[in-house]
Amino acid sequence: MTVIGVHASHEQVHPSALLAAVQRAEESGFTAAMCSDHFSPWGSSQGQSGFAWSWLGAALQATRLPFGVVNAPGQRYHPAVIAQAVGTLEAMFPGRFWVALGTGEASNEHITGGGWPRKPVRNARLRECVDVMRALLAGEEVSHDGLVTVDRARLWTLPESPPPLIGTAVSVETAAWVAGWADGLATVAQPAEHLRRMVDAYRSAGGRGPLVVQVHLSYAGDEDTALRIAHDQWRTNVFAPPLCWDIDSVETFDEAAKHVPLEAMRDSVQVSADPDRHAAWLNDLVDIGFDEVYLHHVGQEQQEFIDVFGAKVLPQLAVTEKAPR
């Protein structure tokens, strides 16, 4: 049995429309939701970038769904501020919130003017942030001097129990590394053999908690339209690390994506007009062992995707609600 959720992409859709989408998703049989946390979109055609933390409070109130968010503490956000945000949402909506922590992308983090650190430095900074956040969520007063600085911070509003701090990874090496501190593993859909090696590396290194995967897909009533939607909205997202981490502006992403051909989208987006094909792809992920699968239709219009998948795809999956914590 697998939790099948919907992903809310703040860099593509106005927050009011995203709120309506997750409400419709709940009505259509999706059992969870998650969202991005961007300061800017990946490309100018996406055209949005609402503040995730404002939206999460509204979304948790407007639905009964559990929610997660992907966040990068340490540069754009101070870890004490994120610990306060996480703790408050969990206190208000106990058992319904989690956060997946990563090292971020320059396109969002450069706004502080502090420069973009090398990947090993970003990893070390994230590890410090995790320790700071765990101590704060445990009710401790925290002072810390390192890659992040904390001076006598304490959270006065605490949840009954801290929400999960999940680790994000796209490589086998990072999956093994986050096993040392994370309450679960979150990744994006990749070739099946690579995902199996990631899962094995995480579990072999002692990784605990749920396995979470986000799937980029494009659905429309005909194949050509589905492919054009993917190309229009997601061609700036086909670049592998470190390029996608290190580009720091929408304009540069647009320029880099000018020569991405239509068919190249199939390498990073599951494109099909056939609901049965989408169901088969998703069942492959379930077979790998993922506990939670979040579907991101890369188009800006979400209603058709939600309605069709609720009627024709979810019934082909062993969908369950998320177990209470």
Protein backbone atom coordinates (compact mmCIF):
# COMPACT_ATOMS: atom_id res chain seq x y z
CA MET A 1 0.00 0.00 0.00
CA THR A 2 1.42 3.37 -1.05
CA VAL A 3 0.59 6.99 -0.31
CA ILE A 4 -0.10 8.73 -3.64
CA GLY A 5 0.12 12.48 -3.30
CA VAL A 6 0.09 15.54 -5.51
CA HIS A 7 2.97 18.00 -5.82
CA ALA A 8 2.16 21.73 -5.75
CA SER A 9 4.67 23.66 -7.85
CA HIS A 10 4.85 27.23 -6.56
CA GLU A 11 7.17 28.30 -9.37
CA GLN A 12 4.49 27.48 -11.97
CA VAL A 13 1.05 28.13 -10.50
CA HIS A 14 -0.49 31.02 -8.55
CA PRO A 15 -0.91 30.06 -4.88
CA SER A 16 -4.68 30.53 -4.99
CA ALA A 17 -4.94 28.11 -7.91
CA LEU A 18 -2.62 25.68 -6.12
CA LEU A 19 -4.87 25.77 -3.08
CA ALA A 20 -7.88 24.90 -5.23
CA ALA A 21 -5.83 22.12 -6.85
CA VAL A 22 -4.93 20.37 -3.61
CA GLN A 23 -8.54 20.61 -2.44
CA ARG A 24 -9.66 18.99 -5.70
CA ALA A 25 -6.90 16.38 -5.37
CA GLU A 26 -8.18 15.37 -1.95
CA GLU A 27 -11.70 15.03 -3.34
CA SER A 28 -10.32 12.92 -6.22
CA GLY A 29 -8.60 10.34 -4.01
CA PHE A 30 -5.06 11.62 -3.53
CA THR A 31 -3.98 10.97 0.05
CA ALA A 32 -1.18 13.51 0.58
CA ALA A 33 0.50 16.59 -0.88
CA MET A 34 3.85 18.30 -0.96
CA CYS A 35 5.15 21.57 -2.38
CA SER A 36 8.28 23.33 -3.56
CA ASP A 37 9.89 26.34 -1.85
CA HIS A 38 11.36 28.68 -4.47
CA PHE A 39 12.22 32.36 -4.58
CA SER A 40 12.18 32.36 -8.38
CA PRO A 41 10.91 30.06 -11.12
CA TRP A 42 13.22 27.92 -13.26
CA GLY A 43 12.16 29.68 -16.45
CA SER A 44 10.21 32.78 -17.48
CA SER A 45 7.36 30.71 -18.97
CA GLN A 46 6.60 29.34 -15.50
CA GLY A 47 6.08 32.83 -14.18
CA GLN A 48 5.24 32.37 -10.48
CA SER A 49 6.98 32.03 -7.14
CA GLY A 50 4.63 32.20 -4.17
CA PHE A 51 5.93 31.93 -0.59
CA ALA A 52 5.51 28.31 0.42
CA TRP A 53 5.24 28.87 4.16
CA SER A 54 2.28 31.25 3.89
CA TRP A 55 0.56 28.80 1.58
CA LEU A 56 1.19 25.74 3.75
CA GLY A 57 -0.84 27.14 6.63
CA ALA A 58 -3.77 27.77 4.30
CA ALA A 59 -3.45 24.36 2.63
CA LEU A 60 -3.30 22.45 5.91
CA GLN A 61 -6.39 24.32 7.13
CA ALA A 62 -8.29 23.86 3.85
CA THR A 63 -7.76 20.09 3.60
CA ARG A 64 -7.23 17.03 5.80
CA LEU A 65 -4.17 15.98 3.80
CA PRO A 66 -0.68 15.59 5.28
CA PHE A 67 1.83 17.97 3.66
CA GLY A 68 5.55 18.16 3.09
CA VAL A 69 7.85 20.84 1.73
CA VAL A 70 11.36 20.79 0.27
CA ASN A 71 13.55 23.40 1.97
CA ALA A 72 17.20 24.50 1.96
CA PRO A 73 18.21 26.02 5.31
CA GLY A 74 21.49 27.82 5.79
CA GLN A 75 21.58 30.71 3.30
CA ARG A 76 18.25 32.16 2.20
CA TYR A 77 16.72 30.85 5.44
CA HIS A 78 18.32 30.78 8.87
CA PRO A 79 17.81 27.30 10.40
CA ALA A 80 16.30 28.76 13.58
CA VAL A 81 13.61 30.50 11.52
CA ILE A 82 12.81 27.29 9.63
CA ALA A 83 12.71 25.35 12.92
CA GLN A 84 10.17 27.88 14.20
CA ALA A 85 8.07 27.57 11.03
CA VAL A 86 8.23 23.77 11.12
CA GLY A 87 7.41 23.64 14.83
CA THR A 88 4.44 25.98 14.51
CA LEU A 89 2.84 24.08 11.62
CA GLU A 90 3.31 20.77 13.44
CA ALA A 91 1.87 22.26 16.65
CA MET A 92 -1.22 23.49 14.78
CA PHE A 93 -1.65 20.38 12.60
CA PRO A 94 -0.09 17.52 14.58
CA GLY A 95 1.05 14.50 12.62
CA ARG A 96 0.39 16.11 9.24
CA PHE A 97 3.64 17.85 8.35
CA TRP A 98 7.17 16.96 7.25
CA VAL A 99 10.08 18.83 5.70
CA ALA A 100 12.69 17.50 3.27
CA LEU A 101 16.01 19.30 3.71
CA GLY A 102 18.57 19.84 0.96
CA THR A 103 21.45 22.09 -0.01
CA GLY A 104 19.45 24.24 -2.44
CA GLU A 105 20.07 25.87 -5.80
CA ALA A 106 21.90 29.08 -6.62
CA SER A 107 18.84 30.44 -8.43
CA ASN A 108 17.09 30.79 -5.06
CA GLU A 109 19.94 31.23 -2.61
CA HIS A 110 21.99 33.92 -4.41
CA ILE A 111 19.56 36.64 -3.30
CA THR A 112 21.33 37.00 0.06
CA GLY A 113 24.48 38.16 -1.74
CA GLY A 114 26.67 35.76 0.17
CA GLY A 115 28.07 33.84 -2.78
CA TRP A 116 27.38 30.24 -3.74
CA PRO A 117 29.51 27.76 -1.76
CA ARG A 118 31.06 24.60 -3.19
CA LYS A 119 28.97 21.44 -2.81
CA PRO A 120 31.03 19.96 0.08
CA VAL A 121 30.63 23.24 1.97
CA ARG A 122 26.89 23.24 1.31
CA ASN A 123 26.67 19.67 2.62
CA ALA A 124 28.56 20.60 5.79
CA ARG A 125 26.35 23.66 6.28
CA LEU A 126 23.20 21.57 5.90
CA ARG A 127 24.49 19.10 8.49
CA GLU A 128 24.98 21.94 10.96
CA CYS A 129 21.48 23.25 10.20
CA VAL A 130 19.95 19.83 10.87
CA ASP A 131 21.63 19.66 14.29
CA VAL A 132 20.48 23.18 15.13
CA MET A 133 16.90 22.44 14.08
CA ARG A 134 16.71 19.15 15.98
CA ALA A 135 17.97 20.79 19.17
CA LEU A 136 15.50 23.67 18.85
CA LEU A 137 12.58 21.34 18.14
CA ALA A 138 13.59 19.37 21.26
CA GLY A 139 13.11 22.55 23.32
CA GLU A 140 16.79 23.33 23.86
CA GLU A 141 18.38 26.77 23.84
CA VAL A 142 20.92 26.77 21.04
CA SER A 143 24.08 28.75 20.41
CA HIS A 144 26.30 27.68 17.54
CA ASP A 145 29.32 29.06 15.71
CA GLY A 146 30.24 27.48 12.40
CA LEU A 147 29.05 27.74 8.83
CA VAL A 148 25.84 29.06 10.40
CA THR A 149 25.71 31.18 13.55
CA VAL A 150 23.03 30.90 16.23
CA ASP A 151 22.90 33.02 19.37
CA ARG A 152 20.79 31.79 22.30
CA ALA A 153 17.81 30.70 20.20
CA ARG A 154 14.87 28.91 21.79
CA LEU A 155 11.46 27.92 20.44
CA TRP A 156 8.66 28.85 22.81
CA THR A 157 5.89 27.21 20.79
CA LEU A 158 6.69 23.53 20.38
CA PRO A 159 4.76 20.60 18.89
CA GLU A 160 4.07 17.57 21.05
CA SER A 161 6.64 15.70 18.96
CA PRO A 162 8.96 17.04 16.23
CA PRO A 163 7.96 16.40 12.61
CA PRO A 164 10.23 14.28 10.40
CA LEU A 165 13.31 15.95 8.93
CA ILE A 166 13.77 14.02 5.69
CA GLY A 167 16.95 14.09 3.60
CA THR A 168 16.93 14.85 -0.13
CA ALA A 169 19.26 13.09 -2.57
CA VAL A 170 19.63 12.45 -6.30
CA SER A 171 22.84 10.41 -6.17
CA VAL A 172 23.77 7.12 -4.52
CA GLU A 173 26.54 8.84 -2.55
CA THR A 174 24.24 11.50 -1.12
CA ALA A 175 21.60 8.89 -0.25
CA ALA A 176 24.19 7.09 1.89
CA TRP A 177 25.29 10.38 3.47
CA VAL A 178 21.81 11.54 4.51
CA ALA A 179 21.19 8.15 6.16
CA GLY A 180 23.33 9.40 9.02
CA TRP A 181 20.88 12.10 10.05
CA ALA A 182 17.57 11.87 8.19
CA ASP A 183 14.14 10.54 9.19
CA GLY A 184 13.51 9.39 5.61
CA LEU A 185 14.79 9.73 2.05
CA ALA A 186 13.25 11.95 -0.65
CA THR A 187 14.29 11.89 -4.31
CA VAL A 188 12.96 12.40 -7.84
CA ALA A 189 12.05 9.74 -10.40
CA GLN A 190 15.11 8.44 -12.26
CA PRO A 191 15.98 5.17 -14.05
CA ALA A 192 14.84 2.20 -11.99
CA GLU A 193 18.29 0.69 -11.47
CA HIS A 194 19.66 4.00 -10.17
CA LEU A 195 16.76 4.35 -7.75
CA ARG A 196 17.30 0.79 -6.48
CA ARG A 197 20.95 1.56 -5.80
CA MET A 198 19.96 4.74 -3.96
CA VAL A 199 17.47 2.89 -1.79
CA ASP A 200 20.02 0.16 -1.06
CA ALA A 201 22.70 2.71 -0.18
CA TYR A 202 20.33 4.54 2.17
CA ARG A 203 19.12 1.42 3.96
CA SER A 204 22.60 -0.16 4.08
CA ALA A 205 23.95 2.96 5.79
CA GLY A 206 21.26 2.68 8.47
CA GLY A 207 18.70 4.97 6.89
CA ARG A 208 15.30 4.84 8.56
CA GLY A 209 11.84 6.13 7.80
CA PRO A 210 9.82 6.45 4.61
CA LEU A 211 11.10 6.44 1.05
CA VAL A 212 9.59 9.37 -0.85
CA VAL A 213 9.76 10.05 -4.60
CA GLN A 214 8.50 12.97 -6.70
CA VAL A 215 7.49 12.19 -10.29
CA HIS A 216 7.50 14.80 -13.04
CA LEU A 217 4.81 13.92 -15.58
CA SER A 218 2.83 15.51 -18.36
CA TYR A 219 -0.69 14.40 -19.22
CA ALA A 220 -3.09 15.70 -21.85
CA GLY A 221 -5.84 14.23 -24.02
CA ASP A 222 -3.38 13.64 -26.88
CA GLU A 223 0.32 12.82 -26.96
CA ASP A 224 1.45 15.88 -28.91
CA THR A 225 -0.22 18.25 -26.46
CA ALA A 226 1.29 16.45 -23.48
CA LEU A 227 4.75 16.75 -25.04
CA ARG A 228 4.29 20.43 -25.89
CA ILE A 229 3.18 21.16 -22.30
CA ALA A 230 6.30 19.48 -20.97
CA HIS A 231 8.52 21.40 -23.38
CA ASP A 232 6.91 24.76 -22.67
CA GLN A 233 6.99 24.45 -18.90
CA TRP A 234 9.84 22.11 -17.99
CA ARG A 235 12.57 22.38 -20.63
CA THR A 236 14.60 24.56 -18.24
CA ASN A 237 14.62 21.61 -15.81
CA VAL A 238 16.32 18.97 -17.96
CA PHE A 239 19.86 19.85 -16.90
CA ALA A 240 21.69 17.45 -14.61
CA PRO A 241 23.70 18.50 -11.56
CA PRO A 242 25.83 20.48 -11.07
CA LEU A 243 24.44 22.74 -13.82
CA CYS A 244 20.93 22.90 -12.34
CA TRP A 245 22.39 23.74 -8.92
CA ASP A 246 24.78 26.43 -10.12
CA ILE A 247 22.79 28.51 -12.64
CA ASP A 248 21.65 31.57 -10.72
CA SER A 249 19.05 33.35 -12.88
CA VAL A 250 15.87 32.77 -14.83
CA GLU A 251 17.44 34.48 -17.83
CA THR A 252 20.36 32.02 -17.89
CA PHE A 253 18.05 29.02 -17.59
CA ASP A 254 15.99 30.38 -20.50
CA GLU A 255 19.12 30.81 -22.62
CA ALA A 256 20.43 27.34 -21.77
CA ALA A 257 17.07 25.77 -22.69
CA LYS A 258 16.69 27.43 -26.10
CA HIS A 259 18.00 24.41 -27.96
CA VAL A 260 16.30 21.64 -25.94
CA PRO A 261 14.30 19.61 -28.49
CA LEU A 262 10.78 18.37 -27.86
CA GLU A 263 11.71 14.69 -27.66
CA ALA A 264 14.40 15.37 -25.05
CA MET A 265 11.62 16.02 -22.53
CA ARG A 266 10.89 12.29 -22.32
CA ASP A 267 14.21 11.77 -20.53
CA SER A 268 13.09 13.76 -17.49
CA VAL A 269 9.29 13.86 -17.69
CA GLN A 270 6.90 10.92 -17.99
CA VAL A 271 4.93 12.07 -21.05
CA SER A 272 1.82 10.21 -22.16
CA ALA A 273 -1.85 10.70 -23.05
CA ASP A 274 -2.57 7.16 -21.82
CA PRO A 275 -3.62 6.89 -18.15
CA ASP A 276 -2.75 3.19 -18.18
CA ARG A 277 0.82 4.00 -19.18
CA HIS A 278 1.11 6.45 -16.32
CA ALA A 279 -0.26 3.85 -13.92
CA ALA A 280 2.34 1.33 -15.10
CA TRP A 281 5.17 3.82 -14.55
CA LEU A 282 3.92 4.56 -11.05
CA ASN A 283 3.53 0.90 -10.17
CA ASP A 284 7.19 0.42 -11.14
CA LEU A 285 8.12 2.95 -8.44
CA VAL A 286 5.92 1.18 -5.91
CA ASP A 287 7.69 -2.09 -6.76
CA ILE A 288 11.07 -0.48 -6.00
CA GLY A 289 9.79 0.16 -2.49
CA PHE A 290 8.74 3.78 -2.31
CA ASP A 291 6.26 4.43 0.47
CA GLU A 292 5.08 7.81 -0.82
CA VAL A 293 4.82 8.88 -4.48
CA TYR A 294 4.05 12.52 -5.30
CA LEU A 295 2.81 13.36 -8.79
CA HIS A 296 3.83 16.64 -10.39
CA HIS A 297 1.97 17.39 -13.61
CA VAL A 298 4.31 19.94 -15.13
CA GLY A 299 1.53 21.91 -16.81
CA GLN A 300 0.09 25.04 -15.25
CA GLU A 301 -3.49 23.81 -15.64
CA GLN A 302 -4.02 21.14 -12.97
CA GLN A 303 -7.73 20.28 -13.14
CA GLU A 304 -7.73 17.81 -16.04
CA PHE A 305 -4.70 15.95 -14.65
CA ILE A 306 -6.29 15.63 -11.20
CA ASP A 307 -9.68 14.54 -12.53
CA VAL A 308 -8.30 11.96 -14.98
CA PHE A 309 -5.78 10.51 -12.57
CA GLY A 310 -8.37 10.36 -9.82
CA ALA A 311 -10.76 8.44 -12.06
CA LYS A 312 -8.40 6.28 -14.13
CA VAL A 313 -4.93 6.07 -12.54
CA LEU A 314 -5.39 5.94 -8.77
CA PRO A 315 -7.77 2.94 -9.01
CA GLN A 316 -4.89 0.99 -10.59
CA LEU A 317 -2.61 1.71 -7.63
CA ALA A 318 -2.78 0.36 -4.09
CA VAL A 319 -3.45 3.80 -2.61
CA THR A 320 -3.52 4.22 1.15
CA GLU A 321 -3.66 7.10 3.55
CA LYS A 322 -0.50 8.09 5.36
CA ALA A 323 -0.08 6.20 8.64
CA PRO A 324 -0.49 8.41 11.72
CA ARG A 325 2.66 9.29 13.60
